[in-house]
């Protein structure tokens, strides 16, 4: 995806995150938006690995972080699908 196409997903994700209750999911999605190299292909494994490594979500809380990453994926996937639907 070209750089100019990355803006809409960030805007939509930011708007979506603003509506979430405060917590880990909101905090980590806000951090995710700051990255320019987030994989936008809808491949859950690639997304999970990127988030886990980029946001340092590993270590002692591995099982809790897996749940957090899954919740992040659900929101991210919805946002990217919506953006792709609006582009085409």
Protein backbone atom coordinates (compact mmCIF):
# COMPACT_ATOMS: atom_id res chain seq x y z
CA UNK A 1 0.00 0.00 0.00
CA UNK A 2 1.40 3.37 -0.93
CA UNK A 3 2.33 5.85 1.77
CA UNK A 4 -0.46 8.22 0.79
CA UNK A 5 -3.00 5.45 1.46
CA UNK A 6 -1.85 4.93 5.05
CA UNK A 7 -3.47 8.11 6.37
CA UNK A 8 -7.12 6.99 6.28
CA UNK A 9 -6.61 3.91 8.44
CA UNK A 10 -4.75 5.95 11.04
CA UNK A 11 -7.51 8.56 11.13
CA UNK A 12 -10.23 5.93 11.42
CA UNK A 13 -8.31 3.93 14.04
CA UNK A 14 -7.72 7.09 16.07
CA UNK A 15 -11.43 7.92 15.94
CA UNK A 16 -12.32 4.35 16.91
CA UNK A 17 -9.86 4.35 19.81
CA UNK A 18 -11.28 7.60 21.17
CA UNK A 19 -14.60 5.80 21.67
CA UNK A 20 -13.03 2.95 23.68
CA UNK A 21 -12.97 2.84 27.45
CA UNK A 22 -9.60 3.57 29.00
CA UNK A 23 -7.47 0.47 29.36
CA UNK A 24 -4.69 -1.58 27.82
CA UNK A 25 -6.38 -1.98 24.43
CA UNK A 26 -6.84 1.77 24.05
CA UNK A 27 -3.31 2.51 25.25
CA UNK A 28 -1.67 0.01 22.91
CA UNK A 29 -3.75 1.01 19.87
CA UNK A 30 -2.75 4.62 20.49
CA UNK A 31 0.87 3.49 20.46
CA UNK A 32 0.30 1.44 17.29
CA UNK A 33 -0.95 4.50 15.40
CA UNK A 34 2.45 6.14 15.88
CA UNK A 35 4.19 3.51 13.74
CA UNK A 36 4.52 4.06 9.98
CA UNK A 37 5.35 0.45 9.16
CA UNK A 38 2.26 -1.35 10.45
CA UNK A 39 1.43 -4.24 8.11
CA UNK A 40 -1.90 -3.43 6.47
CA UNK A 41 -2.39 -6.78 4.78
CA UNK A 42 -5.08 -8.61 6.70
CA UNK A 43 -2.90 -11.42 7.92
CA UNK A 44 -3.50 -12.01 11.63
CA UNK A 45 -0.21 -13.80 12.29
CA UNK A 46 1.85 -11.01 10.72
CA UNK A 47 -0.09 -8.37 12.67
CA UNK A 48 0.26 -10.27 15.96
CA UNK A 49 4.01 -10.70 15.50
CA UNK A 50 4.46 -7.04 14.57
CA UNK A 51 2.47 -5.82 17.59
CA UNK A 52 4.13 -8.26 19.97
CA UNK A 53 7.63 -7.20 18.95
CA UNK A 54 7.06 -3.50 18.26
CA UNK A 55 5.10 -2.83 21.43
CA UNK A 56 7.18 -5.26 23.51
CA UNK A 57 4.17 -7.34 24.51
CA UNK A 58 5.99 -10.45 25.62
CA UNK A 59 7.60 -11.86 28.72
CA UNK A 60 5.96 -12.74 32.02
CA UNK A 61 2.47 -11.67 30.91
CA UNK A 62 2.54 -13.67 27.64
CA UNK A 63 -0.95 -15.17 28.01
CA UNK A 64 -2.52 -11.85 29.04
CA UNK A 65 -0.76 -10.11 26.17
CA UNK A 66 -2.05 -12.71 23.70
CA UNK A 67 -5.60 -11.78 24.72
CA UNK A 68 -4.76 -8.07 24.43
CA UNK A 69 -3.26 -8.55 20.96
CA UNK A 70 -6.32 -10.51 19.84
CA UNK A 71 -8.62 -7.67 20.94
CA UNK A 72 -6.37 -5.20 19.11
CA UNK A 73 -6.51 -7.38 15.98
CA UNK A 74 -10.32 -7.43 16.01
CA UNK A 75 -10.47 -3.62 16.07
CA UNK A 76 -7.61 -3.17 13.59
CA UNK A 77 -9.09 -5.67 11.12
CA UNK A 78 -12.45 -3.87 11.16
CA UNK A 79 -10.78 -0.49 10.57
CA UNK A 80 -8.60 -1.70 7.70
CA UNK A 81 -11.51 -3.52 6.02
CA UNK A 82 -13.62 -0.35 6.25
CA UNK A 83 -10.82 1.75 4.77
CA UNK A 84 -10.25 -0.70 1.92
CA UNK A 85 -13.98 -0.77 1.17
CA UNK A 86 -14.02 3.03 0.97
CA UNK A 87 -11.00 3.17 -1.35
CA UNK A 88 -12.46 0.81 -3.95
